[in-house]
Structures are given as C-alpha cells and as structure tokens.
C-alpha cells in the first residue's frame, strides 16, 4: 500500500540505509516541499501516514539523506551533503537536540549501518585514497578505523541484528585500453587490447615521440598515473594521486 508521496529527487549517492525504526512503527525518509529547500529527514508513521520533521539543514545545501536508526532507538545517523559528492556523517538524539558532525572528510557516503550495540557506525568512504572502503567510527567521535577484512570498492553496508554477519555491495569496474588499426581510408581494420588490468585503465596519451604512453589506472589501489612502452609493455608507476 502507498504510505506517502514524497518530493521527487535524486540523492547524491546510490546507496540506501535502514529506514525502519527499531519498533517497526516508523520510517525515516528524506523529503522536502519545494525545489529550493534542502532535503530533510522526516519521521513517517506507517499506521497513519503522519510525518514529523527531524533535521533542519541550513539553506543552500543539498541536504540530509541515508538516515539510519540506532538499534536502541536513541539515535539517528544520516549523511549531510552541502554539495554534490561532498558528504559527512552526522548524529542526532531522537529525544531532541542538535545534530553532531562525526566525520570531516567531505567524501561521498553511499550507505551506513549501526553495530548491534549502538556504539559504532559503519559507513563507506574514499577517505585515505581513491578506492571506496568500509570504515567504522564511534558515536563519541574520533578518527574512523578502516574495516580491513573487507576489500576495496564497497558500499551500502548492512549488519545483521546479532552482529555476526556483514553484507555489502562491491563494484568492479574493469576498464581497459584498446588500440584500433586503420586502413588507408581511415576505416577500422582490427582492434587489440593494449593496456589491461583487473582495475580501471583509461585516459591514454602518447608521448610526442610516440615511444611511450601515459595513462591513468587504479591497479595500485589508488588512481595513479602510469607510463608504458607504445606496445603496452613494461608499465611503471609514475605518480600516485591517492
């Protein structure tokens, strides 16, 4: 059944958090009443459809999204985005009070989840490099710690109620550089894979003498500038961008 009509919008990420309240009676939803307003988090009653505004982001920002209730029902975590691809994690008491900023990374957050004891929040971020990893931060604040048991390019974490399982989405972009041979008329004759790895390789550029190729690759774990011979052999790291 239809619960409510919300403002049509595109959030700054493709992730999603747990919207249900621990007692199953409410949903936390991002919504607004006009295009000029920032997104705010509202509490929506599943039984009556009544909604109550929880967050009030400042004017001129994209707003708040990805809300997640703590398992003990005392806190609401959410991402606040001042502009596209710039998010940080915020925490506010459901009993009332101002939100408190937990991270200062200005990095996109595509999802977050609470640990069962309501003491930590797990979220995805590119902090510390260009690859997206899972991080955990205490609700008291401090420097986030990376979840090293999970690989790179992950987002949208979910933790089981017992805390024994962690689910997440992993994105794998295998982009390679190809070379196309042209005939005398300038039409393509054949194409061959020139520079390849299990990560993204792109942006090739020949040196002025044609002997080398510079390109961008994530094969080292971070986006970096690499160079190789004109036939794609002998790749070497030139400069790390992470």
Protein backbone atom coordinates (compact mmCIF):
# COMPACT_ATOMS: atom_id res chain seq x y z
CA UNK A 1 0.00 0.00 0.00
CA UNK A 2 1.07 3.55 -0.62
CA UNK A 3 2.30 5.21 2.56
CA UNK A 4 3.08 8.74 1.43
CA UNK A 5 4.01 10.90 -1.51
CA UNK A 6 7.47 12.40 -1.28
CA UNK A 7 9.29 15.01 -3.28
CA UNK A 8 10.88 13.56 -6.44
CA UNK A 9 14.60 13.92 -6.05
CA UNK A 10 17.96 12.37 -6.76
CA UNK A 11 20.13 11.89 -3.70
CA UNK A 12 23.89 12.48 -4.04
CA UNK A 13 24.57 8.74 -3.77
CA UNK A 14 23.20 5.42 -4.94
CA UNK A 15 23.22 3.77 -1.52
CA UNK A 16 20.48 3.21 0.99
CA UNK A 17 20.28 2.80 4.74
CA UNK A 18 17.84 1.09 7.07
CA UNK A 19 14.82 3.37 7.19
CA UNK A 20 12.70 1.37 9.66
CA UNK A 21 12.63 2.40 13.30
CA UNK A 22 13.56 -0.38 15.74
CA UNK A 23 9.92 -0.84 16.80
CA UNK A 24 8.78 -1.08 13.17
CA UNK A 25 6.25 1.75 13.53
CA UNK A 26 8.05 4.48 11.62
CA UNK A 27 10.18 5.13 8.58
CA UNK A 28 12.85 7.80 8.29
CA UNK A 29 12.58 9.41 4.85
CA UNK A 30 14.40 12.25 3.05
CA UNK A 31 11.80 14.76 1.82
CA UNK A 32 11.14 18.43 1.09
CA UNK A 33 8.20 20.55 -0.02
CA UNK A 34 9.80 22.67 -2.76
CA UNK A 35 12.78 22.54 -5.15
CA UNK A 36 14.51 25.43 -3.37
CA UNK A 37 14.57 23.68 0.01
CA UNK A 38 17.29 21.28 1.11
CA UNK A 39 16.38 17.65 1.80
CA UNK A 40 15.45 16.98 5.42
CA UNK A 41 14.86 13.74 7.29
CA UNK A 42 11.24 13.17 8.33
CA UNK A 43 9.71 10.57 10.64
CA UNK A 44 6.79 8.91 8.85
CA UNK A 45 4.16 6.91 10.75
CA UNK A 46 3.43 3.64 8.96
CA UNK A 47 -0.03 3.45 10.52
CA UNK A 48 -1.32 6.99 9.98
CA UNK A 49 0.99 8.50 7.35
CA UNK A 50 1.67 11.46 9.63
CA UNK A 51 5.16 12.89 9.27
CA UNK A 52 7.38 14.91 11.59
CA UNK A 53 10.50 16.79 10.58
CA UNK A 54 13.63 15.58 12.35
CA UNK A 55 16.51 17.50 10.75
CA UNK A 56 16.80 21.10 9.57
CA UNK A 57 19.86 21.53 7.34
CA UNK A 58 20.98 25.08 6.55
CA UNK A 59 19.70 26.80 3.43
CA UNK A 60 21.76 26.46 0.28
CA UNK A 61 22.88 22.86 0.80
CA UNK A 62 21.64 19.67 -0.88
CA UNK A 63 20.52 18.34 2.49
CA UNK A 64 20.24 15.19 4.57
CA UNK A 65 19.71 11.62 3.39
CA UNK A 66 20.62 7.98 4.14
CA UNK A 67 19.02 8.04 7.62
CA UNK A 68 19.55 5.06 9.94
CA UNK A 69 18.10 4.48 13.42
CA UNK A 70 20.35 3.06 16.12
CA UNK A 71 19.18 -0.38 17.35
CA UNK A 72 18.44 1.04 20.83
CA UNK A 73 16.18 3.71 19.29
CA UNK A 74 18.08 6.62 20.85
CA UNK A 75 19.96 8.00 17.84
CA UNK A 76 19.56 8.86 14.20
CA UNK A 77 22.59 8.83 11.93
CA UNK A 78 22.49 10.41 8.49
CA UNK A 79 24.64 11.88 5.76
CA UNK A 80 24.59 15.62 5.15
CA UNK A 81 25.62 16.93 1.74
CA UNK A 82 26.50 20.62 1.30
CA UNK A 83 27.08 19.98 -2.44
CA UNK A 84 27.33 17.07 -4.85
CA UNK A 85 29.87 14.35 -3.98
CA UNK A 86 30.63 16.04 -0.66
CA UNK A 87 29.12 14.30 2.37
CA UNK A 88 29.82 13.78 6.04
CA UNK A 89 28.28 11.70 8.78
CA UNK A 90 26.04 13.33 11.39
CA UNK A 91 24.40 12.05 14.57
CA UNK A 92 21.41 13.41 16.47
CA UNK A 93 19.48 12.24 19.57
CA UNK A 94 15.89 11.26 18.77
CA UNK A 95 14.79 12.73 22.09
CA UNK A 96 15.75 16.17 20.78
CA UNK A 97 18.89 18.20 20.24
CA UNK A 98 21.18 19.48 17.53
CA UNK A 99 22.97 17.12 15.12
CA UNK A 100 26.63 16.50 15.80
CA UNK A 101 29.15 16.04 12.99
CA UNK A 102 31.16 12.81 13.24
CA UNK A 103 33.36 12.94 10.13
CA UNK A 104 35.17 15.77 8.38
CA UNK A 105 36.13 14.04 5.13
CA UNK A 106 33.94 15.79 2.54
CA UNK A 107 33.65 12.43 0.76
CA UNK A 108 30.56 10.77 -0.75
CA UNK A 109 28.79 8.33 1.58
CA UNK A 110 26.72 5.65 -0.18
CA UNK A 111 25.38 3.88 2.88
CA UNK A 112 25.76 3.36 6.61
CA UNK A 113 24.82 0.81 9.26
CA UNK A 114 24.84 0.55 13.04
CA UNK A 115 26.59 -2.07 15.10
CA UNK A 116 24.08 -4.00 17.28
CA UNK A 117 25.33 -2.35 20.49
CA UNK A 118 24.53 1.13 19.07
CA UNK A 119 28.07 2.28 19.83
CA UNK A 120 29.54 2.47 16.33
CA UNK A 121 28.52 3.32 12.78
CA UNK A 122 29.93 1.56 9.73
CA UNK A 123 29.96 3.58 6.50
CA UNK A 124 31.65 3.59 3.12
CA UNK A 125 34.03 6.32 2.03
CA UNK A 126 37.03 7.08 -0.18
CA UNK A 127 38.85 8.67 2.75
CA UNK A 128 42.58 7.91 2.65
CA UNK A 129 42.61 7.10 -1.08
CA UNK A 130 40.54 6.82 -4.23
CA UNK A 131 39.14 3.32 -3.58
CA UNK A 132 35.95 3.06 -1.56
CA UNK A 133 36.34 1.10 1.70
CA UNK A 134 34.22 0.46 4.77
CA UNK A 135 35.05 2.46 7.89
CA UNK A 136 33.79 2.41 11.46
CA UNK A 137 33.52 5.32 13.85
CA UNK A 138 32.34 5.52 17.46
CA UNK A 139 29.32 7.69 18.23
CA UNK A 140 31.54 9.57 20.68
CA UNK A 141 33.65 10.70 17.71
CA UNK A 142 37.31 10.24 16.90
CA UNK A 143 39.24 9.06 13.86
CA UNK A 144 37.40 6.40 11.81
CA UNK A 145 39.07 2.99 11.51
CA UNK A 146 39.07 1.03 8.27
CA UNK A 147 37.39 -2.39 8.21
CA UNK A 148 40.38 -4.29 6.81
CA UNK A 149 38.57 -7.61 6.42
CA UNK A 150 36.55 -6.13 3.54
CA UNK A 151 38.09 -5.38 0.16
CA UNK A 152 38.01 -2.16 -1.91
CA UNK A 153 35.21 -0.58 -3.93
CA UNK A 154 32.44 -1.47 -1.49
CA UNK A 155 29.35 0.43 -0.42
CA UNK A 156 25.93 0.10 1.26
CA UNK A 157 26.88 -1.95 4.35
CA UNK A 158 24.26 -3.87 6.36
CA UNK A 159 24.87 -5.61 9.69
CA UNK A 160 22.73 -8.49 10.95
CA UNK A 161 20.85 -7.90 14.26
CA UNK A 162 23.13 -10.39 16.03
CA UNK A 163 26.23 -8.66 14.69
CA UNK A 164 27.68 -11.86 13.21
CA UNK A 165 27.19 -11.02 9.53
CA UNK A 166 28.11 -8.04 7.38
CA UNK A 167 26.60 -7.63 3.92
CA UNK A 168 27.74 -5.05 1.38
CA UNK A 169 27.83 -4.24 -2.32
CA UNK A 170 31.10 -4.45 -4.22
CA UNK A 171 31.53 -2.64 -7.53
CA UNK A 172 34.04 -3.98 -10.03
CA UNK A 173 34.98 -1.71 -12.94
CA UNK A 174 37.33 -3.46 -15.36
CA UNK A 175 38.04 -0.79 -17.97
CA UNK A 176 40.87 -1.47 -20.42
CA UNK A 177 42.65 0.50 -23.14
CA UNK A 178 42.40 -0.79 -26.72
CA UNK A 179 44.16 0.12 -29.96
CA UNK A 180 42.36 0.29 -33.30
CA UNK A 181 44.22 -0.18 -36.57
CA UNK A 182 43.04 1.95 -39.51
CA UNK A 183 43.29 1.26 -43.22
CA UNK A 184 44.35 3.76 -45.86
CA UNK A 185 40.85 5.21 -45.96
CA UNK A 186 40.80 5.74 -42.21
CA UNK A 187 38.37 2.90 -41.51
CA UNK A 188 38.91 0.50 -38.63
CA UNK A 189 40.51 -2.81 -39.60
CA UNK A 190 41.10 -4.50 -36.25
CA UNK A 191 41.23 -3.74 -32.57
CA UNK A 192 43.51 -5.23 -29.94
CA UNK A 193 43.69 -4.91 -26.17
CA UNK A 194 46.71 -2.74 -25.41
CA UNK A 195 46.73 -1.91 -21.66
CA UNK A 196 44.72 -4.02 -19.24
CA UNK A 197 44.40 -4.95 -15.58
CA UNK A 198 41.58 -6.05 -13.28
CA UNK A 199 41.01 -2.38 -12.37
CA UNK A 200 40.17 0.71 -14.43
CA UNK A 201 42.72 1.77 -17.06
CA UNK A 202 41.84 4.87 -19.04
CA UNK A 203 42.95 8.26 -20.38
CA UNK A 204 45.85 7.17 -22.61
CA UNK A 205 48.13 9.74 -24.24
CA UNK A 206 51.16 9.08 -26.49
CA UNK A 207 54.41 10.89 -25.79
CA UNK A 208 55.49 13.37 -28.53
CA UNK A 209 57.99 10.85 -29.94
CA UNK A 210 55.39 8.06 -29.89
CA UNK A 211 57.58 5.72 -27.82
CA UNK A 212 55.63 5.89 -24.54
CA UNK A 213 52.02 6.01 -23.37
CA UNK A 214 50.87 7.77 -20.21
CA UNK A 215 47.58 6.57 -18.71
CA UNK A 216 45.53 6.55 -15.53
CA UNK A 217 45.00 3.29 -13.61
CA UNK A 218 43.63 2.08 -10.29
CA UNK A 219 45.76 -1.08 -10.28
CA UNK A 220 47.85 0.13 -7.33
CA UNK A 221 44.77 0.61 -5.13
CA UNK A 222 44.51 4.34 -5.82
CA UNK A 223 44.08 6.26 -9.06
CA UNK A 224 47.57 6.94 -10.33
CA UNK A 225 49.46 7.99 -13.44
CA UNK A 226 51.36 5.19 -15.16
CA UNK A 227 53.60 5.02 -18.22
CA UNK A 228 54.40 2.09 -20.52
CA UNK A 229 56.00 1.31 -23.85
CA UNK A 230 53.99 2.07 -27.00
CA UNK A 231 53.09 -1.63 -27.27
CA UNK A 232 51.67 -1.64 -23.72
CA UNK A 233 54.63 -3.45 -22.14
CA UNK A 234 56.72 -2.50 -19.09
CA UNK A 235 54.13 -0.44 -17.17
CA UNK A 236 55.53 1.54 -14.27
CA UNK A 237 54.03 3.84 -11.67
CA UNK A 238 54.85 7.49 -12.28
CA UNK A 239 52.72 9.39 -9.75
CA UNK A 240 50.13 8.31 -7.18
CA UNK A 241 47.04 10.51 -6.89
CA UNK A 242 45.89 8.95 -3.58
